[in-house]
Amino acid sequence: MDRWLTEFVKLWVVIDPIGTLPVFLAVTAGLSASAARRIALHGSLVAFLVLLFFILLGQVLLSAMDIELSSFQIAGNIVLFLFALTMIFGESKLEEDQKLLRSSDLEKAVYPLAIPSIASPGAMLTVMTVTDNSKFSLAEQAETIGQIAIIFALMLVLLFCASRIIAVIGNAGASVISRVMGLILASVAVDGIIKAMRVVLAG
């Protein structure tokens, strides 16, 4: 249960549903409620499929390239740490992703909402990391898919209530929460590096 909860928190932090709210509001500005919900569904579906691809085939790619798990874990957690630093010190998701807006509603659902806001590089890397504890384990992959599904279901609820939530916490509040999530992610990444190094030293 502790491992499941740790992995769930890690996935929640890198997907960052709360930090996605300002981006969603930006891409759906001026649209009807039904159109906004449609964009939320399409964007979430695309992001889910992208992460599903990395869950199912990430381990295959690692095996084909003959990369040791400990090496991948160390490299992956270093990247996660750097990603966390951008969450803490970089621009907020609203400031960063507003630059990438497109005129087409469908394009907005895919980019920047699905990628890179929801299915970010950090999220892609994390779903591979949490399923690599037991290579080619269908149970491990199913567990991660279930965790992702729960997170996406909660995120859809948040997106459908986005206008009310942002009205309460404001863009500044969403930015603060995103930075706190970045600090948590940085701690998780450091812990992952330490554990991987222990495996290397023990071997």
N, C-alpha and C. Protein backbone atom coordinates (compact mmCIF):
# COMPACT_ATOMS: atom_id res chain seq x y z
N MET A 1 0.83 -1.21 0.00
CA MET A 1 0.00 0.00 0.00
C MET A 1 0.86 1.25 0.00
N ASP A 2 1.96 1.23 0.77
CA ASP A 2 2.85 2.39 0.82
C ASP A 2 3.47 2.65 -0.55
N ARG A 3 3.88 1.57 -1.24
CA ARG A 3 4.47 1.74 -2.57
C ARG A 3 3.44 2.29 -3.55
N TRP A 4 2.19 1.76 -3.48
CA TRP A 4 1.13 2.23 -4.37
C TRP A 4 0.87 3.72 -4.16
N LEU A 5 0.83 4.13 -2.91
CA LEU A 5 0.56 5.53 -2.59
C LEU A 5 1.71 6.42 -3.05
N THR A 6 2.94 5.95 -2.86
CA THR A 6 4.11 6.73 -3.30
C THR A 6 4.10 6.94 -4.80
N GLU A 7 3.80 5.86 -5.53
CA GLU A 7 3.76 5.96 -6.99
C GLU A 7 2.60 6.85 -7.44
N PHE A 8 1.46 6.75 -6.75
CA PHE A 8 0.30 7.57 -7.11
C PHE A 8 0.62 9.05 -6.92
N VAL A 9 1.27 9.39 -5.79
CA VAL A 9 1.63 10.78 -5.53
C VAL A 9 2.62 11.27 -6.59
N LYS A 10 3.59 10.42 -6.93
CA LYS A 10 4.58 10.81 -7.95
C LYS A 10 3.88 11.12 -9.28
N LEU A 11 2.96 10.24 -9.67
CA LEU A 11 2.23 10.45 -10.93
C LEU A 11 1.34 11.68 -10.86
N TRP A 12 0.69 11.89 -9.72
CA TRP A 12 -0.16 13.06 -9.55
C TRP A 12 0.65 14.35 -9.69
N VAL A 13 1.84 14.34 -9.11
CA VAL A 13 2.68 15.54 -9.12
C VAL A 13 3.15 15.87 -10.54
N VAL A 14 3.61 14.86 -11.29
CA VAL A 14 4.15 15.16 -12.62
C VAL A 14 3.04 15.47 -13.62
N ILE A 15 1.87 14.86 -13.46
CA ILE A 15 0.75 15.20 -14.34
C ILE A 15 0.18 16.56 -13.96
N ASP A 16 0.17 16.86 -12.67
CA ASP A 16 -0.18 18.18 -12.14
C ASP A 16 -1.54 18.68 -12.65
N PRO A 17 -2.62 17.99 -12.29
CA PRO A 17 -3.96 18.42 -12.75
C PRO A 17 -4.31 19.84 -12.35
N ILE A 18 -3.92 20.27 -11.15
CA ILE A 18 -4.25 21.62 -10.70
C ILE A 18 -3.51 22.66 -11.54
N GLY A 19 -2.24 22.40 -11.82
CA GLY A 19 -1.48 23.33 -12.65
C GLY A 19 -1.97 23.41 -14.07
N THR A 20 -2.73 22.41 -14.50
CA THR A 20 -3.28 22.39 -15.85
C THR A 20 -4.51 23.29 -15.98
N LEU A 21 -5.15 23.62 -14.85
CA LEU A 21 -6.38 24.40 -14.89
C LEU A 21 -6.23 25.74 -15.62
N PRO A 22 -5.21 26.55 -15.29
CA PRO A 22 -5.08 27.83 -16.01
C PRO A 22 -4.88 27.64 -17.50
N VAL A 23 -4.15 26.58 -17.90
CA VAL A 23 -3.94 26.30 -19.32
C VAL A 23 -5.27 25.98 -19.98
N PHE A 24 -6.07 25.15 -19.31
CA PHE A 24 -7.38 24.78 -19.85
C PHE A 24 -8.27 26.00 -20.00
N LEU A 25 -8.26 26.88 -19.02
CA LEU A 25 -9.07 28.10 -19.10
C LEU A 25 -8.61 28.98 -20.25
N ALA A 26 -7.30 29.01 -20.48
CA ALA A 26 -6.76 29.84 -21.56
C ALA A 26 -7.19 29.32 -22.93
N VAL A 27 -7.13 27.99 -23.12
CA VAL A 27 -7.46 27.44 -24.43
C VAL A 27 -8.96 27.39 -24.69
N THR A 28 -9.75 27.49 -23.63
CA THR A 28 -11.21 27.43 -23.81
C THR A 28 -11.88 28.79 -23.61
N ALA A 29 -11.08 29.83 -23.53
CA ALA A 29 -11.63 31.18 -23.32
C ALA A 29 -12.58 31.54 -24.47
N GLY A 30 -13.78 31.99 -24.12
CA GLY A 30 -14.75 32.41 -25.12
C GLY A 30 -15.57 31.28 -25.71
N LEU A 31 -15.28 30.04 -25.34
CA LEU A 31 -16.03 28.90 -25.88
C LEU A 31 -17.22 28.57 -24.99
N SER A 32 -18.18 27.87 -25.57
CA SER A 32 -19.34 27.44 -24.78
C SER A 32 -18.93 26.35 -23.80
N ALA A 33 -19.79 26.09 -22.83
CA ALA A 33 -19.48 25.06 -21.83
C ALA A 33 -19.35 23.69 -22.48
N SER A 34 -20.19 23.40 -23.46
CA SER A 34 -20.12 22.10 -24.13
C SER A 34 -18.82 21.96 -24.92
N ALA A 35 -18.40 23.04 -25.58
CA ALA A 35 -17.14 23.00 -26.34
C ALA A 35 -15.95 22.84 -25.40
N ALA A 36 -16.01 23.50 -24.25
CA ALA A 36 -14.92 23.38 -23.27
C ALA A 36 -14.83 21.96 -22.74
N ARG A 37 -15.99 21.35 -22.46
CA ARG A 37 -15.99 19.96 -21.99
C ARG A 37 -15.46 19.02 -23.05
N ARG A 38 -15.78 19.31 -24.30
CA ARG A 38 -15.30 18.47 -25.41
C ARG A 38 -13.78 18.55 -25.52
N ILE A 39 -13.24 19.75 -25.38
CA ILE A 39 -11.79 19.91 -25.42
C ILE A 39 -11.13 19.19 -24.24
N ALA A 40 -11.77 19.27 -23.06
CA ALA A 40 -11.23 18.57 -21.88
C ALA A 40 -11.18 17.07 -22.12
N LEU A 41 -12.24 16.52 -22.69
CA LEU A 41 -12.30 15.08 -22.95
C LEU A 41 -11.28 14.67 -24.00
N HIS A 42 -11.21 15.41 -25.10
CA HIS A 42 -10.27 15.08 -26.16
C HIS A 42 -8.83 15.19 -25.68
N GLY A 43 -8.54 16.29 -24.99
CA GLY A 43 -7.17 16.48 -24.49
C GLY A 43 -6.77 15.39 -23.50
N SER A 44 -7.67 15.03 -22.61
CA SER A 44 -7.39 13.99 -21.62
C SER A 44 -7.20 12.64 -22.28
N LEU A 45 -8.01 12.35 -23.30
CA LEU A 45 -7.90 11.07 -23.99
C LEU A 45 -6.57 10.95 -24.72
N VAL A 46 -6.18 12.01 -25.41
CA VAL A 46 -4.90 12.00 -26.12
C VAL A 46 -3.75 11.81 -25.14
N ALA A 47 -3.77 12.55 -24.04
CA ALA A 47 -2.72 12.45 -23.05
C ALA A 47 -2.66 11.05 -22.44
N PHE A 48 -3.83 10.46 -22.18
CA PHE A 48 -3.89 9.11 -21.61
C PHE A 48 -3.27 8.10 -22.57
N LEU A 49 -3.59 8.22 -23.86
CA LEU A 49 -3.05 7.29 -24.86
C LEU A 49 -1.54 7.43 -24.98
N VAL A 50 -1.04 8.67 -24.89
CA VAL A 50 0.40 8.89 -24.96
C VAL A 50 1.10 8.21 -23.78
N LEU A 51 0.57 8.41 -22.58
CA LEU A 51 1.16 7.79 -21.40
C LEU A 51 1.00 6.27 -21.44
N LEU A 52 -0.11 5.79 -21.98
CA LEU A 52 -0.31 4.35 -22.11
C LEU A 52 0.75 3.73 -23.01
N PHE A 53 1.10 4.44 -24.08
CA PHE A 53 2.15 3.97 -24.98
C PHE A 53 3.47 3.79 -24.24
N PHE A 54 3.81 4.76 -23.39
CA PHE A 54 5.07 4.67 -22.65
C PHE A 54 5.01 3.59 -21.57
N ILE A 55 3.83 3.35 -21.00
CA ILE A 55 3.70 2.28 -20.01
C ILE A 55 3.92 0.91 -20.64
N LEU A 56 3.30 0.69 -21.81
CA LEU A 56 3.34 -0.62 -22.45
C LEU A 56 4.63 -0.89 -23.21
N LEU A 57 5.19 0.13 -23.85
CA LEU A 57 6.34 -0.09 -24.72
C LEU A 57 7.65 0.48 -24.18
N GLY A 58 7.58 1.24 -23.10
CA GLY A 58 8.80 1.82 -22.55
C GLY A 58 9.81 0.76 -22.15
N GLN A 59 9.35 -0.29 -21.50
CA GLN A 59 10.23 -1.37 -21.06
C GLN A 59 10.81 -2.13 -22.25
N VAL A 60 10.02 -2.28 -23.31
CA VAL A 60 10.50 -2.96 -24.51
C VAL A 60 11.65 -2.18 -25.13
N LEU A 61 11.50 -0.86 -25.18
CA LEU A 61 12.56 -0.02 -25.73
C LEU A 61 13.83 -0.12 -24.90
N LEU A 62 13.67 -0.12 -23.57
CA LEU A 62 14.83 -0.25 -22.69
C LEU A 62 15.55 -1.57 -22.92
N SER A 63 14.78 -2.64 -23.02
CA SER A 63 15.37 -3.96 -23.23
C SER A 63 16.08 -4.04 -24.57
N ALA A 64 15.47 -3.46 -25.61
CA ALA A 64 16.07 -3.49 -26.94
C ALA A 64 17.39 -2.72 -26.97
N MET A 65 17.48 -1.67 -26.18
CA MET A 65 18.71 -0.87 -26.14
C MET A 65 19.69 -1.35 -25.08
N ASP A 66 19.32 -2.45 -24.37
CA ASP A 66 20.17 -3.06 -23.35
C ASP A 66 20.61 -2.05 -22.29
N ILE A 67 19.63 -1.30 -21.79
CA ILE A 67 19.91 -0.30 -20.75
C ILE A 67 19.56 -0.89 -19.40
N GLU A 68 20.49 -0.83 -18.46
CA GLU A 68 20.26 -1.34 -17.11
C GLU A 68 19.19 -0.50 -16.41
N LEU A 69 18.39 -1.19 -15.59
CA LEU A 69 17.32 -0.50 -14.88
C LEU A 69 17.86 0.58 -13.96
N SER A 70 18.95 0.27 -13.25
CA SER A 70 19.52 1.25 -12.33
C SER A 70 20.00 2.49 -13.06
N SER A 71 20.58 2.29 -14.26
CA SER A 71 21.05 3.44 -15.06
C SER A 71 19.87 4.30 -15.49
N PHE A 72 18.79 3.63 -15.92
CA PHE A 72 17.61 4.37 -16.34
C PHE A 72 16.98 5.12 -15.17
N GLN A 73 16.96 4.47 -14.01
CA GLN A 73 16.36 5.10 -12.84
C GLN A 73 17.15 6.34 -12.42
N ILE A 74 18.47 6.24 -12.44
CA ILE A 74 19.30 7.39 -12.06
C ILE A 74 19.11 8.52 -13.06
N ALA A 75 19.23 8.19 -14.36
CA ALA A 75 19.07 9.22 -15.39
C ALA A 75 17.67 9.81 -15.36
N GLY A 76 16.67 8.93 -15.21
CA GLY A 76 15.30 9.40 -15.19
C GLY A 76 15.01 10.32 -14.02
N ASN A 77 15.52 9.97 -12.86
CA ASN A 77 15.28 10.81 -11.68
C ASN A 77 16.05 12.12 -11.74
N ILE A 78 17.20 12.12 -12.42
CA ILE A 78 17.91 13.39 -12.62
C ILE A 78 17.08 14.32 -13.49
N VAL A 79 16.50 13.74 -14.56
CA VAL A 79 15.64 14.54 -15.44
C VAL A 79 14.40 15.02 -14.68
N LEU A 80 13.84 14.12 -13.84
CA LEU A 80 12.68 14.52 -13.04
C LEU A 80 13.04 15.65 -12.09
N PHE A 81 14.24 15.59 -11.54
CA PHE A 81 14.68 16.65 -10.63
C PHE A 81 14.79 17.98 -11.38
N LEU A 82 15.38 17.93 -12.58
CA LEU A 82 15.49 19.15 -13.38
C LEU A 82 14.11 19.66 -13.77
N PHE A 83 13.20 18.72 -14.09
CA PHE A 83 11.83 19.11 -14.42
C PHE A 83 11.16 19.77 -13.22
N ALA A 84 11.44 19.22 -12.03
CA ALA A 84 10.87 19.81 -10.81
C ALA A 84 11.39 21.22 -10.60
N LEU A 85 12.66 21.44 -10.92
CA LEU A 85 13.23 22.79 -10.77
C LEU A 85 12.52 23.78 -11.67
N THR A 86 12.13 23.34 -12.88
CA THR A 86 11.41 24.26 -13.77
C THR A 86 10.03 24.58 -13.20
N MET A 87 9.44 23.61 -12.50
CA MET A 87 8.14 23.86 -11.86
C MET A 87 8.28 24.86 -10.71
N ILE A 88 9.43 24.79 -10.01
CA ILE A 88 9.63 25.66 -8.85
C ILE A 88 10.07 27.06 -9.27
N PHE A 89 11.06 27.13 -10.17
CA PHE A 89 11.66 28.42 -10.51
C PHE A 89 11.23 28.97 -11.87
N GLY A 90 10.68 28.10 -12.73
CA GLY A 90 10.34 28.55 -14.07
C GLY A 90 9.01 29.25 -14.12
N GLU A 91 8.55 29.45 -15.35
CA GLU A 91 7.25 30.09 -15.55
C GLU A 91 6.15 29.15 -15.12
N SER A 92 5.03 29.71 -14.72
CA SER A 92 3.87 28.88 -14.40
C SER A 92 3.36 28.26 -15.68
N LYS A 93 2.53 27.23 -15.55
CA LYS A 93 2.00 26.56 -16.73
C LYS A 93 1.21 27.53 -17.60
N LEU A 94 0.51 28.45 -16.98
CA LEU A 94 -0.27 29.41 -17.75
C LEU A 94 0.65 30.27 -18.60
N GLU A 95 1.71 30.81 -18.00
CA GLU A 95 2.64 31.68 -18.71
C GLU A 95 3.39 30.94 -19.79
N GLU A 96 3.79 29.69 -19.48
CA GLU A 96 4.58 28.91 -20.42
C GLU A 96 3.77 28.40 -21.58
N ASP A 97 2.58 27.85 -21.30
CA ASP A 97 1.82 27.19 -22.34
C ASP A 97 0.92 28.14 -23.13
N GLN A 98 0.66 29.33 -22.59
CA GLN A 98 -0.13 30.30 -23.35
C GLN A 98 0.62 30.70 -24.63
N LYS A 99 1.93 30.60 -24.62
CA LYS A 99 2.73 30.95 -25.78
C LYS A 99 2.50 29.97 -26.93
N LEU A 100 1.95 28.78 -26.61
CA LEU A 100 1.84 27.72 -27.59
C LEU A 100 0.42 27.54 -28.12
N LEU A 101 -0.47 28.47 -27.78
CA LEU A 101 -1.87 28.31 -28.15
C LEU A 101 -2.06 28.30 -29.67
N ARG A 102 -3.03 27.53 -30.15
CA ARG A 102 -3.36 27.45 -31.57
C ARG A 102 -4.81 27.89 -31.76
N SER A 103 -5.14 28.25 -33.01
CA SER A 103 -6.47 28.77 -33.28
C SER A 103 -7.52 27.67 -33.31
N SER A 104 -7.16 26.47 -33.78
CA SER A 104 -8.12 25.38 -33.89
C SER A 104 -8.42 24.79 -32.52
N ASP A 105 -9.74 24.54 -32.27
CA ASP A 105 -10.13 23.95 -30.99
C ASP A 105 -9.55 22.56 -30.82
N LEU A 106 -9.52 21.78 -31.91
CA LEU A 106 -8.97 20.42 -31.83
C LEU A 106 -7.47 20.48 -31.56
N GLU A 107 -6.79 21.42 -32.20
CA GLU A 107 -5.36 21.57 -31.95
C GLU A 107 -5.10 21.97 -30.51
N LYS A 108 -5.98 22.81 -29.96
CA LYS A 108 -5.82 23.23 -28.57
C LYS A 108 -5.98 22.04 -27.62
N ALA A 109 -6.88 21.11 -27.98
CA ALA A 109 -7.07 19.93 -27.14
C ALA A 109 -5.81 19.08 -27.11
N VAL A 110 -5.13 19.01 -28.27
CA VAL A 110 -3.92 18.19 -28.36
C VAL A 110 -2.71 18.97 -27.88
N TYR A 111 -2.61 20.23 -28.29
CA TYR A 111 -1.42 21.03 -28.03
C TYR A 111 -1.82 22.48 -27.78
N PRO A 112 -1.63 23.01 -26.60
CA PRO A 112 -0.75 22.52 -25.53
C PRO A 112 -1.43 21.75 -24.40
N LEU A 113 -2.75 21.47 -24.49
CA LEU A 113 -3.42 20.87 -23.33
C LEU A 113 -2.94 19.45 -23.07
N ALA A 114 -3.10 18.56 -24.09
CA ALA A 114 -2.68 17.16 -23.89
C ALA A 114 -1.16 17.05 -23.79
N ILE A 115 -0.48 17.68 -24.75
CA ILE A 115 0.98 17.70 -24.78
C ILE A 115 1.41 19.15 -25.01
N PRO A 116 2.22 19.75 -24.18
CA PRO A 116 2.98 19.14 -23.08
C PRO A 116 2.40 19.39 -21.69
N SER A 117 1.18 19.93 -21.59
CA SER A 117 0.69 20.30 -20.26
C SER A 117 0.33 19.09 -19.40
N ILE A 118 -0.45 18.14 -19.96
CA ILE A 118 -0.85 16.96 -19.19
C ILE A 118 0.19 15.85 -19.34
N ALA A 119 0.37 15.38 -20.56
CA ALA A 119 1.38 14.35 -20.83
C ALA A 119 2.72 15.04 -21.08
N SER A 120 3.30 15.55 -20.02
CA SER A 120 4.57 16.26 -20.12
C SER A 120 5.72 15.27 -20.25
N PRO A 121 6.91 15.73 -20.65
CA PRO A 121 8.06 14.82 -20.68
C PRO A 121 8.30 14.14 -19.33
N GLY A 122 8.09 14.89 -18.25
CA GLY A 122 8.26 14.32 -16.92
C GLY A 122 7.27 13.20 -16.66
N ALA A 123 6.02 13.37 -17.12
CA ALA A 123 5.00 12.34 -16.93
C ALA A 123 5.33 11.09 -17.76
N MET A 124 5.79 11.30 -19.00
CA MET A 124 6.18 10.17 -19.85
C MET A 124 7.29 9.35 -19.19
N LEU A 125 8.26 10.06 -18.66
CA LEU A 125 9.39 9.39 -18.02
C LEU A 125 8.97 8.69 -16.75
N THR A 126 8.07 9.30 -15.99
CA THR A 126 7.66 8.73 -14.70
C THR A 126 6.88 7.44 -14.89
N VAL A 127 5.96 7.38 -15.86
CA VAL A 127 5.19 6.15 -16.05
C VAL A 127 6.09 5.00 -16.45
N MET A 128 7.19 5.30 -17.14
CA MET A 128 8.16 4.25 -17.45
C MET A 128 8.91 3.83 -16.20
N THR A 129 9.27 4.81 -15.38
CA THR A 129 10.04 4.51 -14.17
C THR A 129 9.26 3.64 -13.19
N VAL A 130 8.01 3.98 -12.95
CA VAL A 130 7.24 3.25 -11.94
C VAL A 130 6.84 1.86 -12.41
N THR A 131 6.92 1.58 -13.73
CA THR A 131 6.61 0.23 -14.21
C THR A 131 7.86 -0.60 -14.42
N ASP A 132 9.03 -0.03 -14.20
CA ASP A 132 10.27 -0.76 -14.42
C ASP A 132 10.75 -1.50 -13.19
N ASN A 133 10.00 -1.44 -12.10
CA ASN A 133 10.41 -2.16 -10.89
C ASN A 133 10.32 -3.67 -11.10
N SER A 134 9.46 -4.09 -12.00
CA SER A 134 9.41 -5.51 -12.36
C SER A 134 9.21 -5.58 -13.87
N LYS A 135 10.27 -5.86 -14.59
CA LYS A 135 10.22 -5.77 -16.05
C LYS A 135 9.17 -6.69 -16.66
N PHE A 136 8.46 -6.14 -17.63
CA PHE A 136 7.47 -6.88 -18.40
C PHE A 136 6.37 -7.47 -17.51
N SER A 137 6.11 -6.88 -16.36
CA SER A 137 5.08 -7.37 -15.46
C SER A 137 3.74 -6.75 -15.84
N LEU A 138 2.82 -7.60 -16.29
CA LEU A 138 1.50 -7.11 -16.66
C LEU A 138 0.77 -6.55 -15.44
N ALA A 139 0.99 -7.15 -14.28
CA ALA A 139 0.36 -6.66 -13.06
C ALA A 139 0.85 -5.26 -12.72
N GLU A 140 2.15 -5.05 -12.86
CA GLU A 140 2.73 -3.73 -12.59
C GLU A 140 2.20 -2.69 -13.57
N GLN A 141 2.12 -3.08 -14.84
CA GLN A 141 1.61 -2.16 -15.86
C GLN A 141 0.13 -1.86 -15.63
N ALA A 142 -0.64 -2.89 -15.29
CA ALA A 142 -2.06 -2.69 -15.03
C ALA A 142 -2.27 -1.78 -13.82
N GLU A 143 -1.41 -1.92 -12.82
CA GLU A 143 -1.50 -1.07 -11.64
C GLU A 143 -1.26 0.38 -11.99
N THR A 144 -0.23 0.62 -12.81
CA THR A 144 0.08 1.99 -13.23
C THR A 144 -1.03 2.56 -14.09
N ILE A 145 -1.57 1.75 -15.00
CA ILE A 145 -2.69 2.21 -15.84
C ILE A 145 -3.88 2.58 -14.97
N GLY A 146 -4.14 1.77 -13.93
CA GLY A 146 -5.23 2.08 -13.02
C GLY A 146 -5.01 3.39 -12.28
N GLN A 147 -3.76 3.62 -11.85
CA GLN A 147 -3.44 4.87 -11.16
C GLN A 147 -3.63 6.06 -12.09
N ILE A 148 -3.18 5.90 -13.33
CA ILE A 148 -3.34 6.97 -14.33
C ILE A 148 -4.82 7.23 -14.58
N ALA A 149 -5.61 6.17 -14.67
CA ALA A 149 -7.04 6.32 -14.93
C ALA A 149 -7.72 7.09 -13.79
N ILE A 150 -7.35 6.79 -12.55
CA ILE A 150 -7.92 7.50 -11.40
C ILE A 150 -7.56 8.97 -11.45
N ILE A 151 -6.28 9.26 -11.74
CA ILE A 151 -5.81 10.64 -11.81
C ILE A 151 -6.54 11.40 -12.92
N PHE A 152 -6.71 10.75 -14.07
CA PHE A 152 -7.37 11.42 -15.17
C PHE A 152 -8.85 11.64 -14.89
N ALA A 153 -9.48 10.71 -14.19
CA ALA A 153 -10.88 10.90 -13.82
C ALA A 153 -11.03 12.10 -12.89
N LEU A 154 -10.13 12.19 -11.90
CA LEU A 154 -10.16 13.34 -10.98
C LEU A 154 -9.84 14.63 -11.73
N MET A 155 -8.92 14.54 -12.70
CA MET A 155 -8.56 15.73 -13.46
C MET A 155 -9.72 16.23 -14.30
N LEU A 156 -10.50 15.31 -14.87
CA LEU A 156 -11.66 15.71 -15.66
C LEU A 156 -12.67 16.44 -14.79
N VAL A 157 -12.86 15.96 -13.56
CA VAL A 157 -13.75 16.65 -12.63
C VAL A 157 -13.25 18.07 -12.38
N LEU A 158 -11.93 18.20 -12.18
CA LEU A 158 -11.34 19.52 -11.95
C LEU A 158 -11.51 20.42 -13.17
N LEU A 159 -11.29 19.85 -14.36
CA LEU A 159 -11.41 20.66 -15.58
C LEU A 159 -12.84 21.12 -15.80
N PHE A 160 -13.80 20.24 -15.51
CA PHE A 160 -15.21 20.63 -15.66
C PHE A 160 -15.59 21.73 -14.66
N CYS A 161 -14.87 21.77 -13.54
CA CYS A 161 -15.13 22.80 -12.52
C CYS A 161 -14.08 23.90 -12.54
N ALA A 162 -13.31 23.98 -13.63
CA ALA A 162 -12.15 24.87 -13.69
C ALA A 162 -12.49 26.33 -13.41
N SER A 163 -13.54 26.80 -14.04
CA SER A 163 -13.89 28.21 -13.88
C SER A 163 -14.14 28.57 -12.42
N ARG A 164 -14.86 27.71 -11.71
CA ARG A 164 -15.16 27.98 -10.30
C ARG A 164 -13.91 27.89 -9.43
N ILE A 165 -13.05 26.91 -9.74
CA ILE A 165 -11.83 26.72 -8.93
C ILE A 165 -10.90 27.90 -9.07
N ILE A 166 -10.64 28.32 -10.31
CA ILE A 166 -9.72 29.45 -10.55
C ILE A 166 -10.29 30.73 -9.97
N ALA A 167 -11.62 30.85 -9.98
CA ALA A 167 -12.23 32.05 -9.40
C ALA A 167 -11.95 32.14 -7.91
N VAL A 168 -11.76 30.98 -7.27
CA VAL A 168 -11.48 30.95 -5.83
C VAL A 168 -10.00 31.16 -5.54
N ILE A 169 -9.13 30.36 -6.19
CA ILE A 169 -7.69 30.42 -5.88
C ILE A 169 -6.93 31.39 -6.77
N GLY A 170 -7.48 31.73 -7.95
CA GLY A 170 -6.81 32.64 -8.85
C GLY A 170 -5.64 31.98 -9.56
N ASN A 171 -5.14 32.60 -10.62
CA ASN A 171 -3.98 32.08 -11.34
C ASN A 171 -2.76 32.04 -10.43
N ALA A 172 -2.65 33.05 -9.54
CA ALA A 172 -1.51 33.08 -8.61
C ALA A 172 -1.57 31.88 -7.67
N GLY A 173 -2.77 31.54 -7.21
CA GLY A 173 -2.92 30.38 -6.33
C GLY A 173 -2.54 29.09 -7.04
N ALA A 174 -2.96 28.95 -8.30
CA ALA A 174 -2.60 27.76 -9.07
C ALA A 174 -1.10 27.68 -9.27
N SER A 175 -0.46 28.84 -9.48
CA SER A 175 0.99 28.88 -9.65
C SER A 175 1.70 28.45 -8.37
N VAL A 176 1.22 28.92 -7.22
CA VAL A 176 1.82 28.54 -5.94
C VAL A 176 1.71 27.03 -5.73
N ILE A 177 0.52 26.48 -5.98
CA ILE A 177 0.31 25.05 -5.80
C ILE A 177 1.22 24.25 -6.72
N SER A 178 1.38 24.71 -7.97
CA SER A 178 2.25 24.02 -8.92
C SER A 178 3.69 24.00 -8.43
N ARG A 179 4.14 25.11 -7.81
CA ARG A 179 5.52 25.17 -7.31
C ARG A 179 5.71 24.27 -6.09
N VAL A 180 4.69 24.18 -5.25
CA VAL A 180 4.77 23.26 -4.12
C VAL A 180 4.86 21.82 -4.63
N MET A 181 4.07 21.50 -5.66
CA MET A 181 4.15 20.18 -6.28
C MET A 181 5.55 19.93 -6.83
N GLY A 182 6.17 20.96 -7.39
CA GLY A 182 7.53 20.83 -7.90
C GLY A 182 8.52 20.49 -6.81
N LEU A 183 8.35 21.09 -5.63
CA LEU A 183 9.23 20.80 -4.49
C LEU A 183 9.07 19.35 -4.04
N ILE A 184 7.81 18.88 -4.01
CA ILE A 184 7.56 17.48 -3.65
C ILE A 184 8.20 16.55 -4.67
N LEU A 185 8.06 16.88 -5.95
CA LEU A 185 8.64 16.05 -7.00
C LEU A 185 10.16 16.01 -6.90
N ALA A 186 10.77 17.14 -6.57
CA ALA A 186 12.23 17.18 -6.42
C ALA A 186 12.68 16.24 -5.31
N SER A 187 11.94 16.22 -4.21
CA SER A 187 12.26 15.32 -3.10
C SER A 187 12.12 13.86 -3.51
N VAL A 188 11.06 13.56 -4.26
CA VAL A 188 10.84 12.20 -4.75
C VAL A 188 11.97 11.79 -5.69
N ALA A 189 12.41 12.71 -6.56
CA ALA A 189 13.48 12.41 -7.50
C ALA A 189 14.80 12.13 -6.78
N VAL A 190 15.13 12.93 -5.78
CA VAL A 190 16.35 12.70 -5.00
C VAL A 190 16.29 11.35 -4.31
N ASP A 191 15.14 11.02 -3.74
CA ASP A 191 14.98 9.74 -3.08
C ASP A 191 15.17 8.59 -4.07
N GLY A 192 14.67 8.76 -5.28
CA GLY A 192 14.84 7.73 -6.31
C GLY A 192 16.29 7.54 -6.70
N ILE A 193 17.04 8.64 -6.78
CA ILE A 193 18.48 8.56 -7.10
C ILE A 193 19.23 7.82 -6.02
N ILE A 194 18.93 8.15 -4.76
CA ILE A 194 19.59 7.51 -3.63
C ILE A 194 19.34 6.00 -3.63
N LYS A 195 18.09 5.60 -3.86
CA LYS A 195 17.74 4.18 -3.87
C LYS A 195 18.43 3.46 -5.02
N ALA A 196 18.49 4.09 -6.19
CA ALA A 196 19.15 3.46 -7.34
C ALA A 196 20.65 3.33 -7.09
N MET A 197 21.25 4.33 -6.47
CA MET A 197 22.67 4.28 -6.16
C MET A 197 22.98 3.16 -5.18
N ARG A 198 22.07 2.93 -4.24
CA ARG A 198 22.24 1.84 -3.28
C ARG A 198 22.28 0.49 -4.00
N VAL A 199 21.42 0.35 -5.02
CA VAL A 199 21.40 -0.88 -5.79
C VAL A 199 22.71 -1.07 -6.54
N VAL A 200 23.22 0.02 -7.11
CA VAL A 200 24.47 -0.04 -7.87
C VAL A 200 25.63 -0.40 -6.95
N LEU A 201 25.70 0.25 -5.80
CA LEU A 201 26.79 0.00 -4.85
C LEU A 201 26.72 -1.41 -4.27
N ALA A 202 25.49 -1.88 -4.06
CA ALA A 202 25.33 -3.23 -3.49
C ALA A 202 25.72 -4.30 -4.51
N GLY A 203 25.55 -3.97 -5.82
CA GLY A 203 25.88 -4.94 -6.85
C GLY A 203 27.35 -4.96 -7.16
